[in-house]
Amino acid sequence: MKFEVVEDFKIKTTSKGIIELSRGQVIEISPAQAQKLADKIRPLPHIDHSGTLIIPFNSPQRYCWWQKGQSIRDTLRELGASDEILKRYKSPYSDN
């Protein structure tokens, strides 16, 4: 999964030694690894194996459409969703 770094910090890795991560940087790590860094990172939206859009509640506010963030369609486009997935999320009530 992808996560956004919310504060600068250093971390020791087995393969690369000590690495520095900066606020705003996007990293890809397993959910198990992320649990250890929960106060320093936050999850980003993703499309799962079935084509379902997952927006974790603690994602950056801009992805939280329910909190006046960007539209679901904009998030899907940002994630590179296929036309099939975009059609699945098309609203029958608007041009989105």
N, C-alpha and C. Protein backbone atom coordinates (compact mmCIF):
# COMPACT_ATOMS: atom_id res chain seq x y z
N MET A 1 0.84 -1.18 0.00
CA MET A 1 0.00 0.00 0.00
C MET A 1 0.87 1.24 0.00
N LYS A 2 0.27 2.33 -0.47
CA LYS A 2 0.99 3.60 -0.49
C LYS A 2 0.55 4.46 0.68
N PHE A 3 1.54 5.16 1.23
CA PHE A 3 1.32 6.03 2.38
C PHE A 3 2.02 7.36 2.14
N GLU A 4 1.46 8.42 2.72
CA GLU A 4 2.09 9.73 2.67
C GLU A 4 2.78 9.99 4.01
N VAL A 5 4.00 10.46 3.96
CA VAL A 5 4.76 10.78 5.16
C VAL A 5 4.24 12.13 5.69
N VAL A 6 3.89 12.19 6.99
CA VAL A 6 3.33 13.41 7.56
C VAL A 6 4.34 14.21 8.39
N GLU A 7 5.49 13.64 8.66
CA GLU A 7 6.56 14.37 9.33
C GLU A 7 7.91 13.77 8.93
N ASP A 8 8.93 14.60 8.91
CA ASP A 8 10.27 14.12 8.56
C ASP A 8 10.75 13.13 9.63
N PHE A 9 11.37 12.05 9.20
CA PHE A 9 11.98 11.12 10.14
C PHE A 9 12.97 10.21 9.42
N LYS A 10 13.80 9.54 10.21
CA LYS A 10 14.78 8.58 9.68
C LYS A 10 14.35 7.20 10.15
N ILE A 11 14.65 6.22 9.31
CA ILE A 11 14.30 4.84 9.65
C ILE A 11 15.42 3.91 9.19
N LYS A 12 15.69 2.90 9.99
CA LYS A 12 16.73 1.93 9.66
C LYS A 12 16.07 0.77 8.91
N THR A 13 16.63 0.44 7.75
CA THR A 13 16.11 -0.68 6.96
C THR A 13 17.18 -1.76 6.86
N THR A 14 16.74 -2.96 6.55
CA THR A 14 17.70 -4.06 6.43
C THR A 14 18.44 -4.01 5.10
N SER A 15 17.82 -3.47 4.07
CA SER A 15 18.46 -3.48 2.75
C SER A 15 19.21 -2.20 2.40
N LYS A 16 18.75 -1.06 2.91
CA LYS A 16 19.36 0.22 2.50
C LYS A 16 19.97 0.99 3.65
N GLY A 17 20.02 0.41 4.82
CA GLY A 17 20.57 1.12 5.97
C GLY A 17 19.59 2.17 6.46
N ILE A 18 20.11 3.31 6.89
CA ILE A 18 19.26 4.39 7.38
C ILE A 18 18.82 5.26 6.20
N ILE A 19 17.52 5.49 6.10
CA ILE A 19 17.01 6.37 5.05
C ILE A 19 16.22 7.50 5.71
N GLU A 20 16.25 8.65 5.05
CA GLU A 20 15.50 9.81 5.53
C GLU A 20 14.24 9.96 4.71
N LEU A 21 13.12 10.13 5.39
CA LEU A 21 11.85 10.34 4.73
C LEU A 21 11.37 11.76 5.05
N SER A 22 10.82 12.42 4.05
CA SER A 22 10.41 13.81 4.20
C SER A 22 8.90 13.96 4.13
N ARG A 23 8.40 14.93 4.85
CA ARG A 23 6.97 15.23 4.84
C ARG A 23 6.47 15.40 3.40
N GLY A 24 5.36 14.75 3.08
CA GLY A 24 4.79 14.83 1.74
C GLY A 24 5.26 13.73 0.81
N GLN A 25 6.31 13.03 1.17
CA GLN A 25 6.83 11.94 0.35
C GLN A 25 5.85 10.77 0.37
N VAL A 26 5.74 10.06 -0.74
CA VAL A 26 4.88 8.89 -0.84
C VAL A 26 5.77 7.65 -0.81
N ILE A 27 5.42 6.72 0.07
CA ILE A 27 6.17 5.48 0.19
C ILE A 27 5.22 4.30 0.02
N GLU A 28 5.77 3.17 -0.38
CA GLU A 28 4.96 1.96 -0.52
C GLU A 28 5.53 0.90 0.43
N ILE A 29 4.72 0.51 1.41
CA ILE A 29 5.11 -0.50 2.39
C ILE A 29 3.91 -1.37 2.72
N SER A 30 4.16 -2.46 3.39
CA SER A 30 3.08 -3.37 3.77
C SER A 30 2.28 -2.78 4.94
N PRO A 31 1.03 -3.19 5.08
CA PRO A 31 0.24 -2.73 6.22
C PRO A 31 0.89 -3.08 7.57
N ALA A 32 1.56 -4.22 7.64
CA ALA A 32 2.24 -4.61 8.89
C ALA A 32 3.36 -3.62 9.23
N GLN A 33 4.14 -3.24 8.22
CA GLN A 33 5.19 -2.25 8.46
C GLN A 33 4.59 -0.90 8.83
N ALA A 34 3.47 -0.57 8.20
CA ALA A 34 2.84 0.73 8.43
C ALA A 34 2.35 0.88 9.86
N GLN A 35 1.94 -0.22 10.48
CA GLN A 35 1.46 -0.15 11.86
C GLN A 35 2.53 0.41 12.79
N LYS A 36 3.78 0.09 12.51
CA LYS A 36 4.88 0.56 13.34
C LYS A 36 5.13 2.06 13.16
N LEU A 37 4.66 2.61 12.05
CA LEU A 37 4.90 4.02 11.73
C LEU A 37 3.61 4.83 11.74
N ALA A 38 2.58 4.33 12.38
CA ALA A 38 1.23 4.92 12.28
C ALA A 38 1.18 6.41 12.60
N ASP A 39 2.02 6.89 13.49
CA ASP A 39 1.98 8.31 13.84
C ASP A 39 2.78 9.18 12.87
N LYS A 40 3.50 8.58 11.94
CA LYS A 40 4.35 9.33 11.01
C LYS A 40 3.88 9.27 9.56
N ILE A 41 2.91 8.41 9.28
CA ILE A 41 2.41 8.25 7.91
C ILE A 41 0.89 8.15 7.92
N ARG A 42 0.29 8.34 6.74
CA ARG A 42 -1.15 8.11 6.62
C ARG A 42 -1.43 7.45 5.28
N PRO A 43 -2.43 6.57 5.26
CA PRO A 43 -2.71 5.79 4.05
C PRO A 43 -3.28 6.63 2.93
N LEU A 44 -2.99 6.23 1.72
CA LEU A 44 -3.53 6.89 0.54
C LEU A 44 -4.59 5.99 -0.09
N PRO A 45 -5.51 6.57 -0.83
CA PRO A 45 -6.52 5.77 -1.51
C PRO A 45 -5.88 4.81 -2.50
N HIS A 46 -6.59 3.72 -2.79
CA HIS A 46 -6.13 2.76 -3.78
C HIS A 46 -7.32 1.99 -4.32
N ILE A 47 -7.10 1.31 -5.41
CA ILE A 47 -8.12 0.46 -6.01
C ILE A 47 -7.71 -0.98 -5.73
N ASP A 48 -8.59 -1.73 -5.09
CA ASP A 48 -8.21 -3.10 -4.73
C ASP A 48 -8.34 -4.05 -5.91
N HIS A 49 -8.04 -5.31 -5.68
CA HIS A 49 -8.01 -6.32 -6.75
C HIS A 49 -9.36 -6.51 -7.44
N SER A 50 -10.47 -6.14 -6.77
CA SER A 50 -11.79 -6.30 -7.39
C SER A 50 -12.26 -5.03 -8.09
N GLY A 51 -11.41 -3.99 -8.08
CA GLY A 51 -11.78 -2.74 -8.73
C GLY A 51 -12.54 -1.79 -7.83
N THR A 52 -12.54 -2.06 -6.54
CA THR A 52 -13.23 -1.19 -5.57
C THR A 52 -12.29 -0.09 -5.10
N LEU A 53 -12.79 1.14 -5.10
CA LEU A 53 -12.01 2.26 -4.59
C LEU A 53 -12.01 2.21 -3.07
N ILE A 54 -10.84 2.24 -2.48
CA ILE A 54 -10.68 2.25 -1.03
C ILE A 54 -10.11 3.61 -0.64
N ILE A 55 -10.86 4.36 0.15
CA ILE A 55 -10.37 5.63 0.69
C ILE A 55 -10.36 5.49 2.21
N PRO A 56 -9.20 5.20 2.79
CA PRO A 56 -9.14 5.08 4.25
C PRO A 56 -9.61 6.37 4.91
N PHE A 57 -10.32 6.23 6.01
CA PHE A 57 -10.88 7.38 6.70
C PHE A 57 -9.82 8.41 7.08
N ASN A 58 -8.61 7.96 7.38
CA ASN A 58 -7.56 8.88 7.78
C ASN A 58 -6.62 9.25 6.63
N SER A 59 -7.12 9.14 5.39
CA SER A 59 -6.37 9.61 4.23
C SER A 59 -6.28 11.14 4.27
N PRO A 60 -5.38 11.72 3.48
CA PRO A 60 -5.34 13.18 3.40
C PRO A 60 -6.73 13.74 3.03
N GLN A 61 -7.09 14.86 3.60
CA GLN A 61 -8.41 15.46 3.45
C GLN A 61 -8.82 15.65 2.00
N ARG A 62 -7.87 15.91 1.13
CA ARG A 62 -8.24 16.18 -0.27
C ARG A 62 -8.93 14.98 -0.94
N TYR A 63 -8.72 13.76 -0.43
CA TYR A 63 -9.36 12.59 -1.00
C TYR A 63 -10.72 12.29 -0.35
N CYS A 64 -11.03 12.95 0.74
CA CYS A 64 -12.25 12.67 1.50
C CYS A 64 -13.41 13.48 0.94
N TRP A 65 -14.09 12.94 -0.06
CA TRP A 65 -15.18 13.65 -0.71
C TRP A 65 -16.26 14.01 0.29
N TRP A 66 -16.43 13.24 1.34
CA TRP A 66 -17.45 13.50 2.35
C TRP A 66 -17.08 14.67 3.25
N GLN A 67 -15.83 15.17 3.12
CA GLN A 67 -15.38 16.34 3.88
C GLN A 67 -15.00 17.47 2.91
N LYS A 68 -15.69 17.54 1.81
CA LYS A 68 -15.48 18.56 0.77
C LYS A 68 -14.12 18.44 0.09
N GLY A 69 -13.61 17.21 0.03
CA GLY A 69 -12.39 16.95 -0.73
C GLY A 69 -12.75 16.81 -2.21
N GLN A 70 -11.79 16.36 -2.99
CA GLN A 70 -12.04 16.22 -4.44
C GLN A 70 -13.06 15.12 -4.70
N SER A 71 -13.61 15.14 -5.90
CA SER A 71 -14.63 14.16 -6.26
C SER A 71 -14.03 12.76 -6.36
N ILE A 72 -14.90 11.77 -6.25
CA ILE A 72 -14.48 10.38 -6.42
C ILE A 72 -13.88 10.19 -7.81
N ARG A 73 -14.49 10.80 -8.79
CA ARG A 73 -14.00 10.68 -10.17
C ARG A 73 -12.57 11.22 -10.30
N ASP A 74 -12.30 12.37 -9.67
CA ASP A 74 -10.94 12.93 -9.71
C ASP A 74 -9.94 12.01 -9.03
N THR A 75 -10.35 11.41 -7.92
CA THR A 75 -9.47 10.46 -7.23
C THR A 75 -9.21 9.24 -8.10
N LEU A 76 -10.26 8.71 -8.73
CA LEU A 76 -10.09 7.56 -9.62
C LEU A 76 -9.15 7.89 -10.77
N ARG A 77 -9.30 9.07 -11.35
CA ARG A 77 -8.40 9.47 -12.45
C ARG A 77 -6.96 9.55 -11.96
N GLU A 78 -6.78 10.14 -10.78
CA GLU A 78 -5.44 10.26 -10.21
C GLU A 78 -4.80 8.89 -9.99
N LEU A 79 -5.61 7.91 -9.65
CA LEU A 79 -5.11 6.56 -9.42
C LEU A 79 -4.96 5.75 -10.70
N GLY A 80 -5.33 6.33 -11.82
CA GLY A 80 -5.18 5.64 -13.11
C GLY A 80 -6.23 4.57 -13.34
N ALA A 81 -7.44 4.79 -12.84
CA ALA A 81 -8.51 3.81 -12.99
C ALA A 81 -8.87 3.61 -14.46
N SER A 82 -9.23 2.39 -14.79
CA SER A 82 -9.64 2.07 -16.16
C SER A 82 -11.02 2.69 -16.45
N ASP A 83 -11.37 2.75 -17.74
CA ASP A 83 -12.68 3.26 -18.12
C ASP A 83 -13.80 2.44 -17.49
N GLU A 84 -13.58 1.14 -17.38
CA GLU A 84 -14.57 0.25 -16.76
C GLU A 84 -14.84 0.64 -15.31
N ILE A 85 -13.78 0.90 -14.57
CA ILE A 85 -13.95 1.30 -13.17
C ILE A 85 -14.58 2.68 -13.09
N LEU A 86 -14.18 3.61 -13.95
CA LEU A 86 -14.79 4.94 -13.96
C LEU A 86 -16.29 4.85 -14.21
N LYS A 87 -16.71 3.98 -15.13
CA LYS A 87 -18.14 3.81 -15.41
C LYS A 87 -18.88 3.27 -14.20
N ARG A 88 -18.25 2.38 -13.46
CA ARG A 88 -18.88 1.80 -12.27
C ARG A 88 -19.22 2.88 -11.24
N TYR A 89 -18.40 3.92 -11.17
CA TYR A 89 -18.59 4.96 -10.18
C TYR A 89 -19.31 6.20 -10.73
N LYS A 90 -19.78 6.13 -11.96
CA LYS A 90 -20.48 7.27 -12.55
C LYS A 90 -21.82 7.46 -11.85
N SER A 91 -22.09 8.71 -11.46
CA SER A 91 -23.33 9.04 -10.79
C SER A 91 -24.46 9.17 -11.79
N PRO A 92 -25.62 8.59 -11.51
CA PRO A 92 -26.77 8.77 -12.40
C PRO A 92 -27.41 10.15 -12.22
N TYR A 93 -26.95 10.91 -11.21
CA TYR A 93 -27.55 12.19 -10.89
C TYR A 93 -26.75 13.40 -11.33
N SER A 94 -25.56 13.18 -11.89
CA SER A 94 -24.73 14.32 -12.30
C SER A 94 -23.87 13.91 -13.49
N ASP A 95 -23.06 14.85 -13.95
CA ASP A 95 -22.16 14.57 -15.08
C ASP A 95 -20.85 13.95 -14.62
N ASN A 96 -20.71 13.63 -13.36
CA ASN A 96 -19.47 13.03 -12.85
C ASN A 96 -19.32 11.61 -13.31
